[in-house]
Amino acid sequence: MKIINLTPHNVNLVADGSEVVVPPTTPPARITATPGEKLSLEGPVGFFAAPIWGAVQDLPAQEEGTILLVSLLVAAQCVGRTDVFSPGTGPADGCVRDEKGLIKAVTRLIQAPLR
């Protein structure tokens, strides 16, 4: 199985005691977005409504035997794509963390929603 990393950084995968580093390819898969409108709240920073998410960009067509590794946000927009996965970084996903709690590696890949 071939894994293509369409995130902008290395993804370290750990399975059965061994670690594999999957380097990124370019360009990364991204989602277009229209910024939300400025809200009337006052404060030290600007407050804005949620963006309007658009189409996924730079996602290759499905290819037999190939897994596309993308961010969770991109995967959420790829409904029905059985080849699209994101790194499992949730609290119950069993990530490997360093002494500061930062993610060093993931132990599972999560498939994009099928519907």
PDB file of N, CA and C in Angstrom:
ATOM      1  N   MET A   1       0.832  -1.171   0.000  1.00  0.00           N
ATOM      2  CA  MET A   1       0.000   0.000   0.000  1.00  0.00           C
ATOM      3  C   MET A   1       0.888   1.250   0.000  1.00  0.00           C
ATOM      4  N   LYS A   2       0.519   2.214  -0.800  1.00  0.00           N
ATOM      5  CA  LYS A   2       1.252   3.471  -0.915  1.00  0.00           C
ATOM      6  C   LYS A   2       0.494   4.549  -0.137  1.00  0.00           C
ATOM      7  N   ILE A   3       1.226   5.341   0.661  1.00  0.00           N
ATOM      8  CA  ILE A   3       0.619   6.446   1.409  1.00  0.00           C
ATOM      9  C   ILE A   3       1.213   7.749   0.900  1.00  0.00           C
ATOM     10  N   ILE A   4       0.348   8.653   0.458  1.00  0.00           N
ATOM     11  CA  ILE A   4       0.772   9.983   0.007  1.00  0.00           C
ATOM     12  C   ILE A   4       0.338  10.985   1.063  1.00  0.00           C
ATOM     13  N   ASN A   5       1.301  11.678   1.627  1.00  0.00           N
ATOM     14  CA  ASN A   5       1.047  12.654   2.683  1.00  0.00           C
ATOM     15  C   ASN A   5       0.766  14.018   2.061  1.00  0.00           C
ATOM     16  N   LEU A   6      -0.487  14.448   2.111  1.00  0.00           N
ATOM     17  CA  LEU A   6      -0.894  15.734   1.561  1.00  0.00           C
ATOM     18  C   LEU A   6      -1.097  16.774   2.657  1.00  0.00           C
ATOM     19  N   THR A   7      -0.416  16.585   3.801  1.00  0.00           N
ATOM     20  CA  THR A   7      -0.368  17.608   4.835  1.00  0.00           C
ATOM     21  C   THR A   7       0.945  18.365   4.628  1.00  0.00           C
ATOM     22  N   PRO A   8       1.123  19.519   5.274  1.00  0.00           N
ATOM     23  CA  PRO A   8       2.362  20.281   5.052  1.00  0.00           C
ATOM     24  C   PRO A   8       3.544  19.856   5.930  1.00  0.00           C
ATOM     25  N   HIS A   9       3.447  18.734   6.633  1.00  0.00           N
ATOM     26  CA  HIS A   9       4.518  18.323   7.535  1.00  0.00           C
ATOM     27  C   HIS A   9       4.663  16.804   7.563  1.00  0.00           C
ATOM     28  N   ASN A  10       5.792  16.324   8.091  1.00  0.00           N
ATOM     29  CA  ASN A  10       5.982  14.886   8.248  1.00  0.00           C
ATOM     30  C   ASN A  10       4.887  14.314   9.131  1.00  0.00           C
ATOM     31  N   VAL A  11       4.466  13.090   8.823  1.00  0.00           N
ATOM     32  CA  VAL A  11       3.561  12.359   9.705  1.00  0.00           C
ATOM     33  C   VAL A  11       4.302  11.090  10.119  1.00  0.00           C
ATOM     34  N   ASN A  12       4.476  10.917  11.428  1.00  0.00           N
ATOM     35  CA  ASN A  12       5.138   9.736  11.978  1.00  0.00           C
ATOM     36  C   ASN A  12       4.074   8.719  12.362  1.00  0.00           C
ATOM     37  N   LEU A  13       4.166   7.539  11.782  1.00  0.00           N
ATOM     38  CA  LEU A  13       3.228   6.455  12.053  1.00  0.00           C
ATOM     39  C   LEU A  13       3.936   5.381  12.864  1.00  0.00           C
ATOM     40  N   VAL A  14       3.272   4.880  13.917  1.00  0.00           N
ATOM     41  CA  VAL A  14       3.822   3.810  14.738  1.00  0.00           C
ATOM     42  C   VAL A  14       2.861   2.630  14.685  1.00  0.00           C
ATOM     43  N   ALA A  15       3.406   1.464  14.342  1.00  0.00           N
ATOM     44  CA  ALA A  15       2.609   0.240  14.321  1.00  0.00           C
ATOM     45  C   ALA A  15       3.517  -0.945  14.608  1.00  0.00           C
ATOM     46  N   ASP A  16       3.062  -1.833  15.448  1.00  0.00           N
ATOM     47  CA  ASP A  16       3.797  -3.055  15.774  1.00  0.00           C
ATOM     48  C   ASP A  16       5.241  -2.775  16.200  1.00  0.00           C
ATOM     49  N   GLY A  17       5.442  -1.695  16.955  1.00  0.00           N
ATOM     50  CA  GLY A  17       6.759  -1.384  17.485  1.00  0.00           C
ATOM     51  C   GLY A  17       7.715  -0.688  16.543  1.00  0.00           C
ATOM     52  N   SER A  18       7.319  -0.462  15.304  1.00  0.00           N
ATOM     53  CA  SER A  18       8.207   0.251  14.388  1.00  0.00           C
ATOM     54  C   SER A  18       7.568   1.568  13.955  1.00  0.00           C
ATOM     55  N   GLU A  19       8.429   2.522  13.616  1.00  0.00           N
ATOM     56  CA  GLU A  19       7.960   3.852  13.232  1.00  0.00           C
ATOM     57  C   GLU A  19       8.330   4.126  11.780  1.00  0.00           C
ATOM     58  N   VAL A  20       7.384   4.710  11.062  1.00  0.00           N
ATOM     59  CA  VAL A  20       7.606   5.094   9.673  1.00  0.00           C
ATOM     60  C   VAL A  20       7.315   6.582   9.567  1.00  0.00           C
ATOM     61  N   VAL A  21       8.220   7.323   8.946  1.00  0.00           N
ATOM     62  CA  VAL A  21       8.006   8.744   8.712  1.00  0.00           C
ATOM     63  C   VAL A  21       7.522   8.908   7.278  1.00  0.00           C
ATOM     64  N   VAL A  22       6.356   9.544   7.128  1.00  0.00           N
ATOM     65  CA  VAL A  22       5.800   9.792   5.803  1.00  0.00           C
ATOM     66  C   VAL A  22       5.977  11.284   5.513  1.00  0.00           C
ATOM     67  N   PRO A  23       6.935  11.632   4.636  1.00  0.00           N
ATOM     68  CA  PRO A  23       7.176  13.043   4.350  1.00  0.00           C
ATOM     69  C   PRO A  23       6.049  13.646   3.503  1.00  0.00           C
ATOM     70  N   PRO A  24       5.882  14.955   3.603  1.00  0.00           N
ATOM     71  CA  PRO A  24       4.827  15.601   2.814  1.00  0.00           C
ATOM     72  C   PRO A  24       5.198  15.681   1.338  1.00  0.00           C
ATOM     73  N   THR A  25       4.176  15.716   0.506  1.00  0.00           N
ATOM     74  CA  THR A  25       4.352  15.999  -0.912  1.00  0.00           C
ATOM     75  C   THR A  25       3.743  17.379  -1.150  1.00  0.00           C
ATOM     76  N   THR A  26       4.070  17.983  -2.240  1.00  0.00           N
ATOM     77  CA  THR A  26       3.519  19.307  -2.521  1.00  0.00           C
ATOM     78  C   THR A  26       2.711  19.263  -3.794  1.00  0.00           C
ATOM     79  N   PRO A  27       1.701  20.061  -3.895  1.00  0.00           N
ATOM     80  CA  PRO A  27       1.184  20.935  -2.842  1.00  0.00           C
ATOM     81  C   PRO A  27       0.314  20.154  -1.869  1.00  0.00           C
ATOM     82  N   PRO A  28       0.148  20.661  -0.638  1.00  0.00           N
ATOM     83  CA  PRO A  28      -0.755  19.983   0.295  1.00  0.00           C
ATOM     84  C   PRO A  28      -2.212  20.181  -0.125  1.00  0.00           C
ATOM     85  N   ALA A  29      -3.067  19.251   0.252  1.00  0.00           N
ATOM     86  CA  ALA A  29      -4.501  19.410   0.004  1.00  0.00           C
ATOM     87  C   ALA A  29      -5.038  20.460   0.975  1.00  0.00           C
ATOM     88  N   ARG A  30      -5.815  21.366   0.463  1.00  0.00           N
ATOM     89  CA  ARG A  30      -6.383  22.461   1.269  1.00  0.00           C
ATOM     90  C   ARG A  30      -7.849  22.646   0.922  1.00  0.00           C
ATOM     91  N   ILE A  31      -8.519  23.420   1.756  1.00  0.00           N
ATOM     92  CA  ILE A  31      -9.919  23.772   1.508  1.00  0.00           C
ATOM     93  C   ILE A  31      -9.996  25.276   1.305  1.00  0.00           C
ATOM     94  N   THR A  32     -10.736  25.683   0.281  1.00  0.00           N
ATOM     95  CA  THR A  32     -10.948  27.113   0.109  1.00  0.00           C
ATOM     96  C   THR A  32     -11.862  27.597   1.231  1.00  0.00           C
ATOM     97  N   ALA A  33     -11.724  28.861   1.583  1.00  0.00           N
ATOM     98  CA  ALA A  33     -12.544  29.415   2.663  1.00  0.00           C
ATOM     99  C   ALA A  33     -12.814  30.886   2.402  1.00  0.00           C
ATOM    100  N   THR A  34     -14.018  31.287   2.743  1.00  0.00           N
ATOM    101  CA  THR A  34     -14.380  32.700   2.728  1.00  0.00           C
ATOM    102  C   THR A  34     -14.462  33.127   4.176  1.00  0.00           C
ATOM    103  N   PRO A  35     -13.667  34.142   4.570  1.00  0.00           N
ATOM    104  CA  PRO A  35     -13.696  34.560   5.974  1.00  0.00           C
ATOM    105  C   PRO A  35     -15.094  34.991   6.420  1.00  0.00           C
ATOM    106  N   GLY A  36     -15.391  34.710   7.680  1.00  0.00           N
ATOM    107  CA  GLY A  36     -16.664  35.142   8.244  1.00  0.00           C
ATOM    108  C   GLY A  36     -16.672  36.645   8.481  1.00  0.00           C
ATOM    109  N   GLU A  37     -17.860  37.172   8.652  1.00  0.00           N
ATOM    110  CA  GLU A  37     -18.004  38.616   8.863  1.00  0.00           C
ATOM    111  C   GLU A  37     -17.545  39.005  10.258  1.00  0.00           C
ATOM    112  N   LYS A  38     -17.084  40.239  10.360  1.00  0.00           N
ATOM    113  CA  LYS A  38     -16.647  40.755  11.660  1.00  0.00           C
ATOM    114  C   LYS A  38     -17.879  40.918  12.557  1.00  0.00           C
ATOM    115  N   LEU A  39     -17.759  40.434  13.787  1.00  0.00           N
ATOM    116  CA  LEU A  39     -18.846  40.549  14.762  1.00  0.00           C
ATOM    117  C   LEU A  39     -18.720  41.875  15.510  1.00  0.00           C
ATOM    118  N   SER A  40     -19.764  42.254  16.170  1.00  0.00           N
ATOM    119  CA  SER A  40     -19.778  43.551  16.840  1.00  0.00           C
ATOM    120  C   SER A  40     -19.148  43.520  18.230  1.00  0.00           C
ATOM    121  N   LEU A  41     -18.584  42.391  18.631  1.00  0.00           N
ATOM    122  CA  LEU A  41     -17.942  42.296  19.936  1.00  0.00           C
ATOM    123  C   LEU A  41     -16.690  43.160  19.975  1.00  0.00           C
ATOM    124  N   GLU A  42     -16.452  43.797  21.096  1.00  0.00           N
ATOM    125  CA  GLU A  42     -15.247  44.614  21.253  1.00  0.00           C
ATOM    126  C   GLU A  42     -14.253  43.869  22.129  1.00  0.00           C
ATOM    127  N   GLY A  43     -12.989  44.067  21.848  1.00  0.00           N
ATOM    128  CA  GLY A  43     -11.955  43.429  22.643  1.00  0.00           C
ATOM    129  C   GLY A  43     -10.591  43.665  22.042  1.00  0.00           C
ATOM    130  N   PRO A  44      -9.579  43.006  22.586  1.00  0.00           N
ATOM    131  CA  PRO A  44      -8.204  43.239  22.133  1.00  0.00           C
ATOM    132  C   PRO A  44      -7.900  42.645  20.761  1.00  0.00           C
ATOM    133  N   VAL A  45      -8.763  41.766  20.278  1.00  0.00           N
ATOM    134  CA  VAL A  45      -8.604  41.173  18.946  1.00  0.00           C
ATOM    135  C   VAL A  45      -9.925  41.286  18.215  1.00  0.00           C
ATOM    136  N   GLY A  46      -9.923  41.062  16.912  1.00  0.00           N
ATOM    137  CA  GLY A  46     -11.168  41.059  16.157  1.00  0.00           C
ATOM    138  C   GLY A  46     -11.915  39.750  16.345  1.00  0.00           C
ATOM    139  N   PHE A  47     -13.217  39.813  16.473  1.00  0.00           N
ATOM    140  CA  PHE A  47     -14.065  38.629  16.588  1.00  0.00           C
ATOM    141  C   PHE A  47     -14.828  38.469  15.285  1.00  0.00           C
ATOM    142  N   PHE A  48     -14.784  37.240  14.720  1.00  0.00           N
ATOM    143  CA  PHE A  48     -15.390  36.998  13.422  1.00  0.00           C
ATOM    144  C   PHE A  48     -16.283  35.763  13.464  1.00  0.00           C
ATOM    145  N   ALA A  49     -17.299  35.738  12.604  1.00  0.00           N
ATOM    146  CA  ALA A  49     -18.145  34.553  12.433  1.00  0.00           C
ATOM    147  C   ALA A  49     -17.310  33.451  11.783  1.00  0.00           C
ATOM    148  N   ALA A  50     -17.772  32.244  11.874  1.00  0.00           N
ATOM    149  CA  ALA A  50     -17.067  31.110  11.275  1.00  0.00           C
ATOM    150  C   ALA A  50     -16.925  31.310   9.766  1.00  0.00           C
ATOM    151  N   PRO A  51     -15.832  30.800   9.201  1.00  0.00           N
ATOM    152  CA  PRO A  51     -15.659  30.913   7.749  1.00  0.00           C
ATOM    153  C   PRO A  51     -16.654  30.014   7.021  1.00  0.00           C
ATOM    154  N   ILE A  52     -16.824  30.285   5.761  1.00  0.00           N
ATOM    155  CA  ILE A  52     -17.636  29.422   4.899  1.00  0.00           C
ATOM    156  C   ILE A  52     -16.649  28.550   4.131  1.00  0.00           C
ATOM    157  N   TRP A  53     -16.704  27.242   4.391  1.00  0.00           N
ATOM    158  CA  TRP A  53     -15.765  26.317   3.779  1.00  0.00           C
ATOM    159  C   TRP A  53     -16.203  25.997   2.363  1.00  0.00           C
ATOM    160  N   GLY A  54     -15.239  25.894   1.469  1.00  0.00           N
ATOM    161  CA  GLY A  54     -15.519  25.612   0.063  1.00  0.00           C
ATOM    162  C   GLY A  54     -14.976  24.263  -0.364  1.00  0.00           C
ATOM    163  N   ALA A  55     -14.470  24.243  -1.577  1.00  0.00           N
ATOM    164  CA  ALA A  55     -14.016  23.002  -2.200  1.00  0.00           C
ATOM    165  C   ALA A  55     -12.611  22.613  -1.730  1.00  0.00           C
ATOM    166  N   VAL A  56     -12.342  21.325  -1.816  1.00  0.00           N
ATOM    167  CA  VAL A  56     -11.003  20.801  -1.538  1.00  0.00           C
ATOM    168  C   VAL A  56     -10.143  21.047  -2.781  1.00  0.00           C
ATOM    169  N   GLN A  57      -8.933  21.528  -2.546  1.00  0.00           N
ATOM    170  CA  GLN A  57      -8.001  21.771  -3.641  1.00  0.00           C
ATOM    171  C   GLN A  57      -6.819  20.808  -3.541  1.00  0.00           C
ATOM    172  N   ASP A  58      -6.277  20.459  -4.690  1.00  0.00           N
ATOM    173  CA  ASP A  58      -5.050  19.657  -4.789  1.00  0.00           C
ATOM    174  C   ASP A  58      -5.186  18.256  -4.186  1.00  0.00           C
ATOM    175  N   LEU A  59      -6.357  17.648  -4.349  1.00  0.00           N
ATOM    176  CA  LEU A  59      -6.574  16.267  -3.920  1.00  0.00           C
ATOM    177  C   LEU A  59      -6.593  15.393  -5.174  1.00  0.00           C
ATOM    178  N   PRO A  60      -5.638  14.474  -5.303  1.00  0.00           N
ATOM    179  CA  PRO A  60      -5.598  13.625  -6.499  1.00  0.00           C
ATOM    180  C   PRO A  60      -6.827  12.709  -6.596  1.00  0.00           C
ATOM    181  N   ALA A  61      -7.048  12.219  -7.791  1.00  0.00           N
ATOM    182  CA  ALA A  61      -8.120  11.244  -8.014  1.00  0.00           C
ATOM    183  C   ALA A  61      -7.776   9.952  -7.275  1.00  0.00           C
ATOM    184  N   GLN A  62      -8.818   9.195  -6.961  1.00  0.00           N
ATOM    185  CA  GLN A  62      -8.620   7.924  -6.270  1.00  0.00           C
ATOM    186  C   GLN A  62      -7.828   6.969  -7.154  1.00  0.00           C
ATOM    187  N   GLU A  63      -6.867   6.265  -6.520  1.00  0.00           N
ATOM    188  CA  GLU A  63      -6.019   5.319  -7.230  1.00  0.00           C
ATOM    189  C   GLU A  63      -5.931   4.033  -6.411  1.00  0.00           C
ATOM    190  N   GLU A  64      -6.146   2.909  -7.041  1.00  0.00           N
ATOM    191  CA  GLU A  64      -6.107   1.609  -6.362  1.00  0.00           C
ATOM    192  C   GLU A  64      -4.804   1.427  -5.596  1.00  0.00           C
ATOM    193  N   GLY A  65      -4.897   1.021  -4.332  1.00  0.00           N
ATOM    194  CA  GLY A  65      -3.724   0.742  -3.521  1.00  0.00           C
ATOM    195  C   GLY A  65      -3.037   1.967  -2.935  1.00  0.00           C
ATOM    196  N   THR A  66      -3.666   3.139  -3.054  1.00  0.00           N
ATOM    197  CA  THR A  66      -3.062   4.376  -2.555  1.00  0.00           C
ATOM    198  C   THR A  66      -3.958   5.032  -1.519  1.00  0.00           C
ATOM    199  N   ILE A  67      -3.356   5.423  -0.403  1.00  0.00           N
ATOM    200  CA  ILE A  67      -4.043   6.141   0.667  1.00  0.00           C
ATOM    201  C   ILE A  67      -3.575   7.586   0.625  1.00  0.00           C
ATOM    202  N   LEU A  68      -4.505   8.519   0.709  1.00  0.00           N
ATOM    203  CA  LEU A  68      -4.181   9.936   0.761  1.00  0.00           C
ATOM    204  C   LEU A  68      -4.334  10.402   2.195  1.00  0.00           C
ATOM    205  N   LEU A  69      -3.264  10.925   2.759  1.00  0.00           N
ATOM    206  CA  LEU A  69      -3.239  11.384   4.143  1.00  0.00           C
ATOM    207  C   LEU A  69      -3.401  12.903   4.135  1.00  0.00           C
ATOM    208  N   VAL A  70      -4.468  13.390   4.779  1.00  0.00           N
ATOM    209  CA  VAL A  70      -4.809  14.812   4.772  1.00  0.00           C
ATOM    210  C   VAL A  70      -5.137  15.274   6.187  1.00  0.00           C
ATOM    211  N   SER A  71      -5.322  16.566   6.363  1.00  0.00           N
ATOM    212  CA  SER A  71      -5.744  17.088   7.657  1.00  0.00           C
ATOM    213  C   SER A  71      -7.183  16.649   7.946  1.00  0.00           C
ATOM    214  N   LEU A  72      -7.557  16.721   9.210  1.00  0.00           N
ATOM    215  CA  LEU A  72      -8.922  16.359   9.603  1.00  0.00           C
ATOM    216  C   LEU A  72      -9.945  17.248   8.905  1.00  0.00           C
ATOM    217  N   LEU A  73      -9.645  18.529   8.775  1.00  0.00           N
ATOM    218  CA  LEU A  73     -10.565  19.459   8.120  1.00  0.00           C
ATOM    219  C   LEU A  73     -10.785  19.074   6.657  1.00  0.00           C
ATOM    220  N   VAL A  74      -9.724  18.720   5.962  1.00  0.00           N
ATOM    221  CA  VAL A  74      -9.856  18.290   4.569  1.00  0.00           C
ATOM    222  C   VAL A  74     -10.627  16.973   4.500  1.00  0.00           C
ATOM    223  N   ALA A  75     -10.295  16.018   5.357  1.00  0.00           N
ATOM    224  CA  ALA A  75     -10.982  14.719   5.351  1.00  0.00           C
ATOM    225  C   ALA A  75     -12.485  14.887   5.563  1.00  0.00           C
ATOM    226  N   ALA A  76     -12.868  15.817   6.419  1.00  0.00           N
ATOM    227  CA  ALA A  76     -14.295  16.047   6.694  1.00  0.00           C
ATOM    228  C   ALA A  76     -15.045  16.495   5.446  1.00  0.00           C
ATOM    229  N   GLN A  77     -14.355  17.096   4.490  1.00  0.00           N
ATOM    230  CA  GLN A  77     -14.981  17.559   3.252  1.00  0.00           C
ATOM    231  C   GLN A  77     -14.941  16.497   2.149  1.00  0.00           C
ATOM    232  N   CYS A  78     -14.315  15.363   2.415  1.00  0.00           N
ATOM    233  CA  CYS A  78     -14.137  14.319   1.400  1.00  0.00           C
ATOM    234  C   CYS A  78     -15.105  13.159   1.616  1.00  0.00           C
ATOM    235  N   VAL A  79     -16.344  13.463   1.860  1.00  0.00           N
ATOM    236  CA  VAL A  79     -17.367  12.446   2.130  1.00  0.00           C
ATOM    237  C   VAL A  79     -17.441  11.455   0.972  1.00  0.00           C
ATOM    238  N   GLY A  80     -17.364  10.175   1.319  1.00  0.00           N
ATOM    239  CA  GLY A  80     -17.478   9.115   0.330  1.00  0.00           C
ATOM    240  C   GLY A  80     -16.164   8.658  -0.266  1.00  0.00           C
ATOM    241  N   ARG A  81     -15.072   9.347   0.015  1.00  0.00           N
ATOM    242  CA  ARG A  81     -13.768   8.952  -0.513  1.00  0.00           C
ATOM    243  C   ARG A  81     -13.162   7.910   0.417  1.00  0.00           C
ATOM    244  N   THR A  82     -13.117   6.674  -0.017  1.00  0.00           N
ATOM    245  CA  THR A  82     -12.603   5.586   0.816  1.00  0.00           C
ATOM    246  C   THR A  82     -11.078   5.575   0.906  1.00  0.00           C
ATOM    247  N   ASP A  83     -10.408   6.400   0.119  1.00  0.00           N
ATOM    248  CA  ASP A  83      -8.947   6.452   0.108  1.00  0.00           C
ATOM    249  C   ASP A  83      -8.381   7.608   0.921  1.00  0.00           C
ATOM    250  N   VAL A  84      -9.232   8.425   1.520  1.00  0.00           N
ATOM    251  CA  VAL A  84      -8.784   9.618   2.248  1.00  0.00           C
ATOM    252  C   VAL A  84      -8.826   9.346   3.747  1.00  0.00           C
ATOM    253  N   PHE A  85      -7.701   9.630   4.410  1.00  0.00           N
ATOM    254  CA  PHE A  85      -7.559   9.414   5.852  1.00  0.00           C
ATOM    255  C   PHE A  85      -6.865  10.613   6.472  1.00  0.00           C
ATOM    256  N   SER A  86      -7.096  10.817   7.768  1.00  0.00           N
ATOM    257  CA  SER A  86      -6.379  11.851   8.517  1.00  0.00           C
ATOM    258  C   SER A  86      -5.702  11.191   9.719  1.00  0.00           C
ATOM    259  N   PRO A  87      -4.622  11.808  10.225  1.00  0.00           N
ATOM    260  CA  PRO A  87      -3.972  11.249  11.410  1.00  0.00           C
ATOM    261  C   PRO A  87      -4.921  11.252  12.600  1.00  0.00           C
ATOM    262  N   GLY A  88      -4.948  10.163  13.345  1.00  0.00           N
ATOM    263  CA  GLY A  88      -5.791  10.070  14.533  1.00  0.00           C
ATOM    264  C   GLY A  88      -5.115  10.786  15.693  1.00  0.00           C
ATOM    265  N   THR A  89      -5.542  12.006  15.968  1.00  0.00           N
ATOM    266  CA  THR A  89      -4.913  12.818  17.014  1.00  0.00           C
ATOM    267  C   THR A  89      -5.856  13.140  18.167  1.00  0.00           C
ATOM    268  N   GLY A  90      -7.003  12.491  18.206  1.00  0.00           N
ATOM    269  CA  GLY A  90      -7.965  12.737  19.284  1.00  0.00           C
ATOM    270  C   GLY A  90      -7.514  12.144  20.606  1.00  0.00           C
ATOM    271  N   PRO A  91      -8.188  12.508  21.691  1.00  0.00           N
ATOM    272  CA  PRO A  91      -7.796  12.042  23.023  1.00  0.00           C
ATOM    273  C   PRO A  91      -7.789  10.524  23.183  1.00  0.00           C
ATOM    274  N   ALA A  92      -8.628   9.813  22.445  1.00  0.00           N
ATOM    275  CA  ALA A  92      -8.698   8.352  22.578  1.00  0.00           C
ATOM    276  C   ALA A  92      -8.000   7.621  21.429  1.00  0.00           C
ATOM    277  N   ASP A  93      -7.209   8.346  20.619  1.00  0.00           N
ATOM    278  CA  ASP A  93      -6.584   7.733  19.443  1.00  0.00           C
ATOM    279  C   ASP A  93      -5.215   7.112  19.704  1.00  0.00           C
ATOM    280  N   GLY A  94      -4.707   7.197  20.927  1.00  0.00           N
ATOM    281  CA  GLY A  94      -3.452   6.533  21.260  1.00  0.00           C
ATOM    282  C   GLY A  94      -2.206   7.152  20.657  1.00  0.00           C
ATOM    283  N   CYS A  95      -2.183   8.462  20.514  1.00  0.00           N
ATOM    284  CA  CYS A  95      -0.993   9.145  19.985  1.00  0.00           C
ATOM    285  C   CYS A  95       0.208   8.915  20.892  1.00  0.00           C
ATOM    286  N   VAL A  96       1.380   8.961  20.310  1.00  0.00           N
ATOM    287  CA  VAL A  96       2.621   8.938  21.074  1.00  0.00           C
ATOM    288  C   VAL A  96       3.000  10.395  21.309  1.00  0.00           C
ATOM    289  N   ARG A  97       3.165  10.758  22.590  1.00  0.00           N
ATOM    290  CA  ARG A  97       3.453  12.154  22.928  1.00  0.00           C
ATOM    291  C   ARG A  97       4.807  12.279  23.601  1.00  0.00           C
ATOM    292  N   ASP A  98       5.404  13.473  23.463  1.00  0.00           N
ATOM    293  CA  ASP A  98       6.675  13.722  24.131  1.00  0.00           C
ATOM    294  C   ASP A  98       6.418  14.204  25.559  1.00  0.00           C
ATOM    295  N   GLU A  99       7.497  14.553  26.270  1.00  0.00           N
ATOM    296  CA  GLU A  99       7.387  14.969  27.675  1.00  0.00           C
ATOM    297  C   GLU A  99       6.578  16.247  27.856  1.00  0.00           C
ATOM    298  N   LYS A 100       6.416  17.036  26.801  1.00  0.00           N
ATOM    299  CA  LYS A 100       5.612  18.263  26.875  1.00  0.00           C
ATOM    300  C   LYS A 100       4.159  18.026  26.458  1.00  0.00           C
ATOM    301  N   GLY A 101       3.845  16.799  26.073  1.00  0.00           N
ATOM    302  CA  GLY A 101       2.495  16.478  25.649  1.00  0.00           C
ATOM    303  C   GLY A 101       2.237  16.702  24.168  1.00  0.00           C
ATOM    304  N   LEU A 102       3.263  17.066  23.418  1.00  0.00           N
ATOM    305  CA  LEU A 102       3.109  17.282  21.981  1.00  0.00           C
ATOM    306  C   LEU A 102       3.124  15.944  21.249  1.00  0.00           C
ATOM    307  N   ILE A 103       2.362  15.849  20.185  1.00  0.00           N
ATOM    308  CA  ILE A 103       2.267  14.600  19.425  1.00  0.00           C
ATOM    309  C   ILE A 103       3.554  14.351  18.653  1.00  0.00           C
ATOM    310  N   LYS A 104       4.143  13.175  18.874  1.00  0.00           N
ATOM    311  CA  LYS A 104       5.337  12.739  18.144  1.00  0.00           C
ATOM    312  C   LYS A 104       4.980  11.794  17.009  1.00  0.00           C
ATOM    313  N   ALA A 105       3.941  10.969  17.230  1.00  0.00           N
ATOM    314  CA  ALA A 105       3.558   9.975  16.230  1.00  0.00           C
ATOM    315  C   ALA A 105       2.104   9.577  16.464  1.00  0.00           C
ATOM    316  N   VAL A 106       1.502   9.028  15.426  1.00  0.00           N
ATOM    317  CA  VAL A 106       0.129   8.532  15.546  1.00  0.00           C
ATOM    318  C   VAL A 106       0.127   7.024  15.355  1.00  0.00           C
ATOM    319  N   THR A 107      -0.862   6.383  15.954  1.00  0.00           N
ATOM    320  CA  THR A 107      -0.973   4.929  15.882  1.00  0.00           C
ATOM    321  C   THR A 107      -2.142   4.481  15.020  1.00  0.00           C
ATOM    322  N   ARG A 108      -2.916   5.443  14.534  1.00  0.00           N
ATOM    323  CA  ARG A 108      -4.043   5.093  13.676  1.00  0.00           C
ATOM    324  C   ARG A 108      -4.347   6.211  12.708  1.00  0.00           C
ATOM    325  N   LEU A 109      -4.930   5.809  11.585  1.00  0.00           N
ATOM    326  CA  LEU A 109      -5.393   6.760  10.569  1.00  0.00           C
ATOM    327  C   LEU A 109      -6.908   6.630  10.488  1.00  0.00           C
ATOM    328  N   ILE A 110      -7.593   7.776  10.430  1.00  0.00           N
ATOM    329  CA  ILE A 110      -9.051   7.806  10.470  1.00  0.00           C
ATOM    330  C   ILE A 110      -9.595   8.101   9.073  1.00  0.00           C
ATOM    331  N   GLN A 111     -10.482   7.231   8.597  1.00  0.00           N
ATOM    332  CA  GLN A 111     -11.056   7.382   7.254  1.00  0.00           C
ATOM    333  C   GLN A 111     -12.018   8.566   7.195  1.00  0.00           C
ATOM    334  N   ALA A 112     -12.056   9.216   6.035  1.00  0.00           N
ATOM    335  CA  ALA A 112     -13.020  10.295   5.794  1.00  0.00           C
ATOM    336  C   ALA A 112     -14.436   9.731   5.928  1.00  0.00           C
ATOM    337  N   PRO A 113     -15.404  10.589   6.277  1.00  0.00           N
ATOM    338  CA  PRO A 113     -16.780  10.087   6.422  1.00  0.00           C
ATOM    339  C   PRO A 113     -17.284   9.459   5.130  1.00  0.00           C
ATOM    340  N   LEU A 114     -17.975   8.347   5.264  1.00  0.00           N
ATOM    341  CA  LEU A 114     -18.497   7.669   4.067  1.00  0.00           C
ATOM    342  C   LEU A 114     -19.838   8.242   3.623  1.00  0.00           C
ATOM    343  N   ARG A 115     -20.521   8.934   4.532  1.00  0.00           N
ATOM    344  CA  ARG A 115     -21.787   9.601   4.148  1.00  0.00           C
ATOM    345  C   ARG A 115     -22.030  10.800   5.000  1.00  0.00           C
TER     346      ARG A 115
END
